[in-house]
Amino acid sequence: MSEREVEKAYLSIFALLILEVCKGFAFVGSQHHIEVGGQDLFSGSSDDFR
């Protein structure tokens, strides 16, 4: 199983749990693009801010 497949499975279960438990929760996405000093980073990736 690839890292991306594991992430998708985890996020699917996590989103269902949060939607069931937390009223008013909105799941927007799992990774967001951030550019720092000309370097592309994505929140949620294993290489964040090293």
N, C-alpha and C. Protein backbone atom coordinates (compact mmCIF):
# COMPACT_ATOMS: atom_id res chain seq x y z
N MET A 1 0.85 -1.17 0.00
CA MET A 1 0.00 0.00 0.00
C MET A 1 0.90 1.24 0.00
N SER A 2 0.62 2.17 -0.90
CA SER A 2 1.45 3.37 -1.00
C SER A 2 1.11 4.36 0.11
N GLU A 3 2.00 5.31 0.32
CA GLU A 3 1.77 6.34 1.33
C GLU A 3 0.48 7.11 1.02
N ARG A 4 0.24 7.39 -0.25
CA ARG A 4 -0.96 8.14 -0.66
C ARG A 4 -2.24 7.34 -0.36
N GLU A 5 -2.20 6.02 -0.60
CA GLU A 5 -3.35 5.17 -0.31
C GLU A 5 -3.64 5.11 1.18
N VAL A 6 -2.59 5.02 1.99
CA VAL A 6 -2.75 5.02 3.45
C VAL A 6 -3.34 6.34 3.91
N GLU A 7 -2.83 7.45 3.37
CA GLU A 7 -3.34 8.77 3.72
C GLU A 7 -4.82 8.90 3.39
N LYS A 8 -5.21 8.47 2.18
CA LYS A 8 -6.61 8.56 1.76
C LYS A 8 -7.52 7.73 2.67
N ALA A 9 -7.09 6.53 3.02
CA ALA A 9 -7.88 5.67 3.90
C ALA A 9 -8.02 6.29 5.29
N TYR A 10 -6.93 6.78 5.84
CA TYR A 10 -6.95 7.43 7.15
C TYR A 10 -7.87 8.65 7.15
N LEU A 11 -7.74 9.51 6.13
CA LEU A 11 -8.54 10.72 6.07
C LEU A 11 -10.03 10.41 5.90
N SER A 12 -10.34 9.37 5.17
CA SER A 12 -11.73 8.96 5.00
C SER A 12 -12.35 8.59 6.34
N ILE A 13 -11.65 7.76 7.11
CA ILE A 13 -12.14 7.34 8.42
C ILE A 13 -12.17 8.53 9.38
N PHE A 14 -11.13 9.35 9.37
CA PHE A 14 -11.06 10.52 10.25
C PHE A 14 -12.20 11.49 9.97
N ALA A 15 -12.46 11.77 8.70
CA ALA A 15 -13.54 12.70 8.34
C ALA A 15 -14.89 12.17 8.79
N LEU A 16 -15.14 10.89 8.61
CA LEU A 16 -16.40 10.30 9.07
C LEU A 16 -16.56 10.42 10.58
N LEU A 17 -15.48 10.15 11.30
CA LEU A 17 -15.51 10.27 12.77
C LEU A 17 -15.80 11.69 13.20
N ILE A 18 -15.07 12.65 12.64
CA ILE A 18 -15.26 14.06 13.02
C ILE A 18 -16.66 14.54 12.66
N LEU A 19 -17.15 14.17 11.48
CA LEU A 19 -18.49 14.58 11.07
C LEU A 19 -19.56 14.00 11.99
N GLU A 20 -19.32 12.81 12.52
CA GLU A 20 -20.26 12.17 13.42
C GLU A 20 -20.23 12.80 14.81
N VAL A 21 -19.05 13.15 15.28
CA VAL A 21 -18.86 13.61 16.66
C VAL A 21 -18.97 15.13 16.80
N CYS A 22 -18.50 15.87 15.84
CA CYS A 22 -18.40 17.33 15.96
C CYS A 22 -19.45 18.03 15.10
N LYS A 23 -20.38 18.67 15.73
CA LYS A 23 -21.41 19.40 15.01
C LYS A 23 -20.80 20.65 14.36
N GLY A 24 -21.13 20.90 13.09
CA GLY A 24 -20.66 22.09 12.40
C GLY A 24 -19.29 21.97 11.77
N PHE A 25 -18.71 20.78 11.76
CA PHE A 25 -17.38 20.57 11.19
C PHE A 25 -17.46 20.50 9.67
N ALA A 26 -16.53 21.12 8.98
CA ALA A 26 -16.44 21.03 7.53
C ALA A 26 -15.04 20.57 7.15
N PHE A 27 -14.94 19.47 6.45
CA PHE A 27 -13.64 18.97 6.01
C PHE A 27 -13.32 19.59 4.66
N VAL A 28 -12.30 20.45 4.63
CA VAL A 28 -11.98 21.22 3.43
C VAL A 28 -10.96 20.51 2.55
N GLY A 29 -9.98 19.88 3.13
CA GLY A 29 -8.96 19.19 2.34
C GLY A 29 -7.85 18.68 3.21
N SER A 30 -6.97 17.89 2.61
CA SER A 30 -5.91 17.27 3.40
C SER A 30 -4.55 17.92 3.21
N GLN A 31 -4.31 18.53 2.07
CA GLN A 31 -3.01 19.16 1.83
C GLN A 31 -3.23 20.52 1.18
N HIS A 32 -2.52 21.51 1.67
CA HIS A 32 -2.63 22.85 1.13
C HIS A 32 -1.25 23.35 0.73
N HIS A 33 -1.17 23.99 -0.41
CA HIS A 33 0.09 24.50 -0.95
C HIS A 33 0.54 25.72 -0.17
N ILE A 34 1.82 25.73 0.21
CA ILE A 34 2.45 26.87 0.88
C ILE A 34 3.79 27.10 0.18
N GLU A 35 4.08 28.35 -0.16
CA GLU A 35 5.38 28.65 -0.77
C GLU A 35 6.18 29.48 0.23
N VAL A 36 7.37 28.99 0.58
CA VAL A 36 8.24 29.66 1.53
C VAL A 36 9.62 29.79 0.91
N GLY A 37 10.06 31.02 0.70
CA GLY A 37 11.38 31.25 0.13
C GLY A 37 11.56 30.58 -1.23
N GLY A 38 10.51 30.56 -2.03
CA GLY A 38 10.58 29.95 -3.35
C GLY A 38 10.47 28.44 -3.35
N GLN A 39 10.29 27.83 -2.16
CA GLN A 39 10.18 26.38 -2.06
C GLN A 39 8.71 26.01 -1.87
N ASP A 40 8.24 25.04 -2.65
CA ASP A 40 6.86 24.57 -2.53
C ASP A 40 6.74 23.54 -1.41
N LEU A 41 5.83 23.79 -0.49
CA LEU A 41 5.55 22.87 0.60
C LEU A 41 4.06 22.56 0.61
N PHE A 42 3.69 21.44 1.15
CA PHE A 42 2.29 21.07 1.28
C PHE A 42 2.03 20.63 2.71
N SER A 43 1.08 21.29 3.37
CA SER A 43 0.74 20.89 4.73
C SER A 43 0.23 19.47 4.68
N GLY A 44 0.60 18.69 5.66
CA GLY A 44 0.17 17.32 5.70
C GLY A 44 1.15 16.35 5.07
N SER A 45 2.15 16.85 4.37
CA SER A 45 3.14 15.93 3.78
C SER A 45 4.21 15.60 4.80
N SER A 46 4.92 14.50 4.59
CA SER A 46 5.91 14.06 5.54
C SER A 46 7.17 14.94 5.54
N ASP A 47 7.30 15.85 4.58
CA ASP A 47 8.48 16.70 4.50
C ASP A 47 8.22 18.12 5.00
N ASP A 48 7.14 18.35 5.73
CA ASP A 48 6.78 19.70 6.16
C ASP A 48 7.88 20.38 6.97
N PHE A 49 8.26 21.56 6.52
CA PHE A 49 9.08 22.51 7.28
C PHE A 49 10.35 21.92 7.87
N ARG A 50 11.05 21.12 7.10
CA ARG A 50 12.34 20.60 7.58
C ARG A 50 13.45 21.50 7.17
